[in-house]
C-alpha atoms as a PDB file:
ATOM      1  CA  MET A   1     100.506  -6.752-145.930  1.00  0.00           C
ATOM      2  CA  ILE A   2     103.066  -7.705-144.091  1.00  0.00           C
ATOM      3  CA  LYS A   3     100.930 -10.013-141.896  1.00  0.00           C
ATOM      4  CA  LEU A   4      99.286 -11.471-144.836  1.00  0.00           C
ATOM      5  CA  ILE A   5     103.065 -12.438-146.301  1.00  0.00           C
ATOM      6  CA  TYR A   6     104.509 -13.498-142.975  1.00  0.00           C
ATOM      7  CA  HIS A   7     101.157 -15.993-142.440  1.00  0.00           C
ATOM      8  CA  THR A   8     101.212 -17.391-145.981  1.00  0.00           C
ATOM      9  CA  PHE A   9     104.906 -18.083-145.843  1.00  0.00           C
ATOM     10  CA  LEU A  10     104.428 -20.003-142.457  1.00  0.00           C
ATOM     11  CA  ASN A  11     101.456 -22.084-144.125  1.00  0.00           C
ATOM     12  CA  MET A  12     104.042 -23.085-146.949  1.00  0.00           C
ATOM     13  CA  LEU A  13     106.775 -24.094-144.657  1.00  0.00           C
ATOM     14  CA  PHE A  14     104.385 -25.857-141.769  1.00  0.00           C
ATOM     15  CA  PRO A  15     101.296 -26.427-143.562  1.00  0.00           C
ATOM     16  CA  PRO A  16      98.873 -26.293-141.102  1.00  0.00           C
ATOM     17  CA  LYS A  17      97.263 -29.561-139.534  1.00  0.00           C
ATOM     18  CA  CYS A  18      94.078 -30.434-137.194  1.00  0.00           C
ATOM     19  CA  PRO A  19      95.526 -30.950-133.601  1.00  0.00           C
ATOM     20  CA  VAL A  20      93.621 -34.120-133.473  1.00  0.00           C
ATOM     21  CA  CYS A  21      93.852 -36.338-136.403  1.00  0.00           C
ATOM     22  CA  ARG A  22      96.533 -34.182-138.236  1.00  0.00           C
ATOM     23  CA  CYS A  23      94.832 -34.143-141.830  1.00  0.00           C
ATOM     24  CA  TYR A  24      95.769 -30.684-143.578  1.00  0.00           C
ATOM     25  CA  VAL A  25      93.500 -27.464-143.039  1.00  0.00           C
ATOM     26  CA  GLY A  26      93.049 -24.564-144.459  1.00  0.00           C
ATOM     27  CA  GLN A  27      94.962 -22.382-141.697  1.00  0.00           C
ATOM     28  CA  GLN A  28      97.255 -22.491-139.034  1.00  0.00           C
ATOM     29  CA  GLY A  29      95.064 -23.493-135.449  1.00  0.00           C
ATOM     30  CA  GLU A  30      92.132 -24.725-137.456  1.00  0.00           C
ATOM     31  CA  TRP A  31      90.174 -28.080-136.860  1.00  0.00           C
ATOM     32  CA  CYS A  32      88.775 -30.176-139.454  1.00  0.00           C
ATOM     33  CA  MET A  33      85.160 -30.576-139.441  1.00  0.00           C
ATOM     34  CA  ARG A  34      85.116 -34.039-138.167  1.00  0.00           C
ATOM     35  CA  CYS A  35      87.290 -33.760-134.838  1.00  0.00           C
ATOM     36  CA  LEU A  36      85.381 -30.312-133.960  1.00  0.00           C
ATOM     37  CA  GLU A  37      81.881 -31.790-134.146  1.00  0.00           C
ATOM     38  CA  GLN A  38      83.402 -34.717-131.907  1.00  0.00           C
ATOM     39  CA  VAL A  39      83.462 -31.989-129.153  1.00  0.00           C
ATOM     40  CA  LEU A  40      81.945 -29.050-129.692  1.00  0.00           C
ATOM     41  CA  SER A  41      78.805 -28.510-127.534  1.00  0.00           C
ATOM     42  CA  ILE A  42      77.376 -25.306-126.657  1.00  0.00           C
ATOM     43  CA  ARG A  43      75.421 -24.925-123.716  1.00  0.00           C
ATOM     44  CA  THR A  44      74.152 -23.711-120.476  1.00  0.00           C
ATOM     45  CA  ILE A  45      75.043 -25.706-117.683  1.00  0.00           C
ATOM     46  CA  ASN A  46      72.185 -25.906-114.889  1.00  0.00           C
ATOM     47  CA  VAL A  47      73.443 -24.286-111.922  1.00  0.00           C
ATOM     48  CA  GLY A  48      70.411 -25.198-109.965  1.00  0.00           C
ATOM     49  CA  GLN A  49      70.766 -28.715-110.492  1.00  0.00           C
ATOM     50  CA  HIS A  50      74.488 -28.755-109.447  1.00  0.00           C
ATOM     51  CA  HIS A  51      73.452 -26.645-106.453  1.00  0.00           C
ATOM     52  CA  LEU A  52      75.923 -23.797-107.058  1.00  0.00           C
ATOM     53  CA  LYS A  53      74.426 -20.457-104.542  1.00  0.00           C
ATOM     54  CA  TYR A  54      76.439 -17.821-105.959  1.00  0.00           C
ATOM     55  CA  LEU A  55      77.551 -18.640-109.493  1.00  0.00           C
ATOM     56  CA  ASP A  56      74.415 -17.109-111.328  1.00  0.00           C
ATOM     57  CA  GLU A  57      74.919 -18.882-114.709  1.00  0.00           C
ATOM     58  CA  CYS A  58      77.471 -20.878-116.856  1.00  0.00           C
ATOM     59  CA  GLN A  59      78.058 -21.739-120.360  1.00  0.00           C
ATOM     60  CA  VAL A  60      80.319 -24.221-121.749  1.00  0.00           C
ATOM     61  CA  LEU A  61      81.585 -24.905-125.412  1.00  0.00           C
ATOM     62  CA  CYS A  62      82.576 -28.115-125.454  1.00  0.00           C
ATOM     63  CA  GLN A  63      82.677 -31.528-123.884  1.00  0.00           C
ATOM     64  CA  TYR A  64      85.883 -32.725-122.457  1.00  0.00           C
ATOM     65  CA  ARG A  65      86.782 -35.816-124.427  1.00  0.00           C
ATOM     66  CA  SER A  66      88.582 -36.867-127.283  1.00  0.00           C
ATOM     67  CA  GLY A  67      90.455 -34.251-128.938  1.00  0.00           C
ATOM     68  CA  MET A  68      89.776 -31.422-126.740  1.00  0.00           C
ATOM     69  CA  LYS A  69      90.507 -33.422-123.360  1.00  0.00           C
ATOM     70  CA  LYS A  70      94.163 -34.352-125.354  1.00  0.00           C
ATOM     71  CA  ILE A  71      94.460 -30.352-125.750  1.00  0.00           C
ATOM     72  CA  ILE A  72      93.688 -29.126-122.372  1.00  0.00           C
ATOM     73  CA  GLN A  73      95.739 -31.855-120.604  1.00  0.00           C
ATOM     74  CA  HIS A  74      99.119 -31.484-123.047  1.00  0.00           C
ATOM     75  CA  ILE A  75      98.894 -27.763-122.206  1.00  0.00           C
ATOM     76  CA  LYS A  76      98.205 -28.098-118.735  1.00  0.00           C
ATOM     77  CA  PHE A  77     100.795 -30.701-117.517  1.00  0.00           C
ATOM     78  CA  TYR A  78     103.003 -31.015-120.602  1.00  0.00           C
ATOM     79  CA  GLN A  79     103.931 -27.359-121.457  1.00  0.00           C
ATOM     80  CA  ALA A  80     102.021 -27.931-124.969  1.00  0.00           C
ATOM     81  CA  LEU A  81     101.717 -24.277-126.032  1.00  0.00           C
ATOM     82  CA  LYS A  82     101.728 -25.421-129.583  1.00  0.00           C
ATOM     83  CA  TYR A  83      98.195 -26.367-128.900  1.00  0.00           C
ATOM     84  CA  VAL A  84      97.191 -23.006-127.643  1.00  0.00           C
ATOM     85  CA  PRO A  85      96.295 -21.308-131.278  1.00  0.00           C
ATOM     86  CA  HIS A  86      94.013 -24.216-131.819  1.00  0.00           C
ATOM     87  CA  ILE A  87      91.729 -22.949-128.725  1.00  0.00           C
ATOM     88  CA  HIS A  88      91.933 -19.531-129.670  1.00  0.00           C
ATOM     89  CA  TRP A  89      90.898 -20.294-133.358  1.00  0.00           C
ATOM     90  CA  LEU A  90      87.798 -22.346-131.924  1.00  0.00           C
ATOM     91  CA  LEU A  91      86.949 -19.587-129.977  1.00  0.00           C
ATOM     92  CA  ASN A  92      87.138 -16.983-132.452  1.00  0.00           C
ATOM     93  CA  ARG A  93      84.883 -19.400-134.838  1.00  0.00           C
ATOM     94  CA  GLU A  94      82.415 -20.294-132.103  1.00  0.00           C
ATOM     95  CA  GLY A  95      82.725 -17.817-129.680  1.00  0.00           C
ATOM     96  CA  ASP A  96      80.057 -15.330-130.745  1.00  0.00           C
ATOM     97  CA  LEU A  97      77.332 -18.300-130.038  1.00  0.00           C
ATOM     98  CA  VAL A  98      78.058 -17.913-126.459  1.00  0.00           C
ATOM     99  CA  SER A  99      75.530 -15.149-125.330  1.00  0.00           C
ATOM    100  CA  PHE A 100      76.444 -12.091-122.698  1.00  0.00           C
ATOM    101  CA  LYS A 101      74.843  -9.233-121.929  1.00  0.00           C
ATOM    102  CA  CYS A 102      76.246  -6.304-120.206  1.00  0.00           C
ATOM    103  CA  ILE A 103      79.587  -7.537-119.241  1.00  0.00           C
ATOM    104  CA  ASP A 104      81.927  -5.489-116.884  1.00  0.00           C
ATOM    105  CA  ILE A 105      84.931  -7.436-116.310  1.00  0.00           C
ATOM    106  CA  VAL A 106      86.165 -10.504-117.440  1.00  0.00           C
ATOM    107  CA  SER A 107      88.796 -12.459-114.707  1.00  0.00           C
ATOM    108  CA  ALA A 108      89.927 -16.275-114.518  1.00  0.00           C
ATOM    109  CA  VAL A 109      89.866 -18.713-111.803  1.00  0.00           C
ATOM    110  CA  PRO A 110      93.673 -18.167-110.307  1.00  0.00           C
ATOM    111  CA  LEU A 111      96.486 -20.686-109.488  1.00  0.00           C
ATOM    112  CA  HIS A 112      98.000 -20.543-106.497  1.00  0.00           C
ATOM    113  CA  GLU A 113     101.374 -19.003-106.777  1.00  0.00           C
ATOM    114  CA  SER A 114     103.299 -22.472-106.251  1.00  0.00           C
ATOM    115  CA  ARG A 115     101.419 -24.087-108.958  1.00  0.00           C
ATOM    116  CA  LEU A 116     101.960 -20.758-111.398  1.00  0.00           C
ATOM    117  CA  LYS A 117     105.472 -20.639-110.681  1.00  0.00           C
ATOM    118  CA  SER A 118     105.845 -24.703-111.807  1.00  0.00           C
ATOM    119  CA  ARG A 119     103.372 -24.248-114.734  1.00  0.00           C
ATOM    120  CA  GLY A 120     104.885 -21.023-115.968  1.00  0.00           C
ATOM    121  CA  TYR A 121     101.356 -19.699-116.916  1.00  0.00           C
ATOM    122  CA  ASN A 122      97.533 -19.975-116.048  1.00  0.00           C
ATOM    123  CA  GLN A 123      95.894 -22.162-118.670  1.00  0.00           C
ATOM    124  CA  SER A 124      92.634 -20.247-118.563  1.00  0.00           C
ATOM    125  CA  GLU A 125      94.464 -16.660-119.270  1.00  0.00           C
ATOM    126  CA  LYS A 126      96.460 -18.364-122.187  1.00  0.00           C
ATOM    127  CA  PHE A 127      93.054 -19.838-123.367  1.00  0.00           C
ATOM    128  CA  PHE A 128      90.593 -16.528-123.388  1.00  0.00           C
ATOM    129  CA  TYR A 129      92.720 -13.508-123.022  1.00  0.00           C
ATOM    130  CA  PRO A 130      93.133 -13.064-126.520  1.00  0.00           C
ATOM    131  CA  TRP A 131      89.804 -13.487-127.602  1.00  0.00           C
ATOM    132  CA  ILE A 132      88.597 -11.377-124.490  1.00  0.00           C
ATOM    133  CA  LYS A 133      90.837  -8.553-126.024  1.00  0.00           C
ATOM    134  CA  GLU A 134      89.436  -8.853-129.176  1.00  0.00           C
ATOM    135  CA  LYS A 135      86.299  -8.308-127.683  1.00  0.00           C
ATOM    136  CA  GLY A 136      87.079  -5.046-126.031  1.00  0.00           C
ATOM    137  CA  TRP A 137      86.350  -6.506-122.450  1.00  0.00           C
ATOM    138  CA  LEU A 138      88.122  -5.375-119.572  1.00  0.00           C
ATOM    139  CA  TRP A 139      90.438  -8.330-118.129  1.00  0.00           C
ATOM    140  CA  GLN A 140      91.348  -8.050-114.402  1.00  0.00           C
ATOM    141  CA  ASN A 141      92.834 -10.453-112.447  1.00  0.00           C
ATOM    142  CA  LEU A 142      90.698  -9.845-109.182  1.00  0.00           C
ATOM    143  CA  LEU A 143      91.101 -13.093-107.338  1.00  0.00           C
ATOM    144  CA  MET A 144      94.188 -14.424-105.305  1.00  0.00           C
ATOM    145  CA  ARG A 145      94.241 -18.504-104.493  1.00  0.00           C
ATOM    146  CA  LYS A 146      95.741 -18.480-101.421  1.00  0.00           C
ATOM    147  CA  LYS A 147      95.380 -22.021-100.465  1.00  0.00           C
ATOM    148  CA  ASP A 148      97.288 -24.686-102.094  1.00  0.00           C
ATOM    149  CA  THR A 149      94.595 -26.900-102.782  1.00  0.00           C
ATOM    150  CA  VAL A 150      95.362 -30.674-104.262  1.00  0.00           C
ATOM    151  CA  PRO A 151      93.951 -31.105-107.921  1.00  0.00           C
ATOM    152  CA  GLN A 152      90.037 -31.381-107.733  1.00  0.00           C
ATOM    153  CA  TYR A 153      89.757 -34.014-110.338  1.00  0.00           C
ATOM    154  CA  GLU A 154      91.469 -36.545-107.602  1.00  0.00           C
ATOM    155  CA  LEU A 155      88.551 -35.826-105.433  1.00  0.00           C
ATOM    156  CA  SER A 156      84.746 -36.826-104.910  1.00  0.00           C
ATOM    157  CA  SER A 157      82.217 -34.349-105.079  1.00  0.00           C
ATOM    158  CA  LYS A 158      81.804 -33.506-101.197  1.00  0.00           C
ATOM    159  CA  GLU A 159      86.007 -33.508-100.857  1.00  0.00           C
ATOM    160  CA  ARG A 160      86.153 -31.036-103.887  1.00  0.00           C
ATOM    161  CA  GLN A 161      83.917 -28.599-101.751  1.00  0.00           C
ATOM    162  CA  LYS A 162      86.375 -28.840 -98.816  1.00  0.00           C
ATOM    163  CA  ASN A 163      89.190 -28.969-100.758  1.00  0.00           C
ATOM    164  CA  ILE A 164      88.106 -25.641-102.353  1.00  0.00           C
ATOM    165  CA  LYS A 165      86.927 -23.786 -99.829  1.00  0.00           C
ATOM    166  CA  ASN A 166      87.998 -20.584 -98.647  1.00  0.00           C
ATOM    167  CA  ALA A 167      90.799 -20.943-101.341  1.00  0.00           C
ATOM    168  CA  PHE A 168      90.220 -17.569-102.628  1.00  0.00           C
ATOM    169  CA  VAL A 169      90.330 -13.722-101.694  1.00  0.00           C
ATOM    170  CA  MET A 170      89.841 -10.362-103.585  1.00  0.00           C
ATOM    171  CA  ARG A 171      93.159  -8.909-104.981  1.00  0.00           C
ATOM    172  CA  PRO A 172      93.175  -5.379-102.956  1.00  0.00           C
ATOM    173  CA  ASN A 173      92.693  -2.052-104.859  1.00  0.00           C
ATOM    174  CA  TYR A 174      89.512  -3.018-107.128  1.00  0.00           C
ATOM    175  CA  ASN A 175      86.136  -1.881-107.203  1.00  0.00           C
ATOM    176  CA  ILE A 176      83.795  -4.274-108.432  1.00  0.00           C
ATOM    177  CA  GLN A 177      80.580  -2.631-106.700  1.00  0.00           C
ATOM    178  CA  ASP A 178      77.467  -3.522-108.633  1.00  0.00           C
ATOM    179  CA  CYS A 179      79.288  -5.222-111.568  1.00  0.00           C
ATOM    180  CA  THR A 180      78.715  -8.267-113.648  1.00  0.00           C
ATOM    181  CA  ILE A 181      81.528 -10.320-114.058  1.00  0.00           C
ATOM    182  CA  LEU A 182      82.527 -12.813-116.335  1.00  0.00           C
ATOM    183  CA  LEU A 183      84.693 -15.770-114.409  1.00  0.00           C
ATOM    184  CA  VAL A 184      86.649 -18.098-116.902  1.00  0.00           C
ATOM    185  CA  ASP A 185      87.973 -21.648-116.363  1.00  0.00           C
ATOM    186  CA  ASP A 186      89.413 -24.294-118.590  1.00  0.00           C
ATOM    187  CA  ILE A 187      87.016 -27.066-117.237  1.00  0.00           C
ATOM    188  CA  PHE A 188      83.760 -27.118-115.257  1.00  0.00           C
ATOM    189  CA  THR A 189      82.980 -30.408-113.642  1.00  0.00           C
ATOM    190  CA  THR A 190      81.026 -29.706-110.323  1.00  0.00           C
ATOM    191  CA  GLY A 191      81.168 -25.993-110.556  1.00  0.00           C
ATOM    192  CA  VAL A 192      82.287 -25.537-107.108  1.00  0.00           C
ATOM    193  CA  THR A 193      85.426 -23.918-107.961  1.00  0.00           C
ATOM    194  CA  MET A 194      83.466 -21.601-109.627  1.00  0.00           C
ATOM    195  CA  ASP A 195      81.014 -21.131-107.195  1.00  0.00           C
ATOM    196  CA  GLU A 196      83.521 -20.293-104.494  1.00  0.00           C
ATOM    197  CA  CYS A 197      84.961 -17.592-106.892  1.00  0.00           C
ATOM    198  CA  ALA A 198      81.594 -15.979-106.845  1.00  0.00           C
ATOM    199  CA  LYS A 199      80.991 -16.141-103.506  1.00  0.00           C
ATOM    200  CA  VAL A 200      84.156 -14.117-102.842  1.00  0.00           C
ATOM    201  CA  LEU A 201      83.201 -11.747-105.702  1.00  0.00           C
ATOM    202  CA  LYS A 202      79.984 -11.085-104.763  1.00  0.00           C
ATOM    203  CA  SER A 203      81.168 -10.292-101.286  1.00  0.00           C
ATOM    204  CA  ALA A 204      83.177  -7.909-102.783  1.00  0.00           C
ATOM    205  CA  GLY A 205      80.105  -6.526-104.093  1.00  0.00           C
ATOM    206  CA  ALA A 206      79.294  -8.175-107.625  1.00  0.00           C
ATOM    207  CA  LYS A 207      76.056  -7.828-108.894  1.00  0.00           C
ATOM    208  CA  LYS A 208      76.162 -10.713-110.713  1.00  0.00           C
ATOM    209  CA  VAL A 209      78.795 -13.496-111.882  1.00  0.00           C
ATOM    210  CA  ILE A 210      78.488 -15.404-114.927  1.00  0.00           C
ATOM    211  CA  GLY A 211      80.650 -18.664-115.627  1.00  0.00           C
ATOM    212  CA  LEU A 212      82.107 -19.654-118.922  1.00  0.00           C
ATOM    213  CA  ALA A 213      84.207 -22.724-119.299  1.00  0.00           C
ATOM    214  CA  LEU A 214      86.289 -24.183-122.394  1.00  0.00           C
ATOM    215  CA  ALA A 215      85.134 -27.671-121.692  1.00  0.00           C
ATOM    216  CA  THR A 216      82.854 -29.631-119.035  1.00  0.00           C
ATOM    217  CA  ASP A 217      82.524 -33.426-118.533  1.00  0.00           C
ATOM    218  CA  ALA A 218      78.942 -32.777-116.673  1.00  0.00           C
ATOM    219  CA  GLU A 219      75.862 -34.523-117.799  1.00  0.00           C
ATOM    220  CA  TYR A 220      73.850 -31.208-117.108  1.00  0.00           C
END
């Protein structure tokens, strides 16, 4: 009851708006249907065509363009955490259309310690953790990024592979033998980052590694 009163008061004080076009919407975090339809594209990535050796499958929710591109960039590079509730709303509304079975552990692609310190948070954890918690899945930070790599978006496909090679290690004291891991990240481009993470997880005993990205600019 108190929560309902609080949200009603909040909506009166700050009428909710679409994060893209700023038109009025029904609740905090909501997108208008026009802007949502421009980016929403739930689909399965063809990991074979991307020549990924360790990632068993990957699904994405949106195209990395227009409003979604703006939101992700502002959260990653400009500390614009005001947009995070719009990601949560989208996941709560559309996330059940993503089909996964028998997930044992969920983990995010990690940032290097220096980047985590400068940014203050891992954006993938900000995006996905509340939704994962609501689904009752176990979240564990299984991986560490030992190499302070340059941003992948600056590189060609071959440079990305070289840049990310051996960048990750398992954190100690985690047992993932025969587990199915859901690996989450903000953007899927070539998949080499997720694949490198999957390699480490499988070396540690994981049975299967499935990827889930918020957005992609990949064509297949």
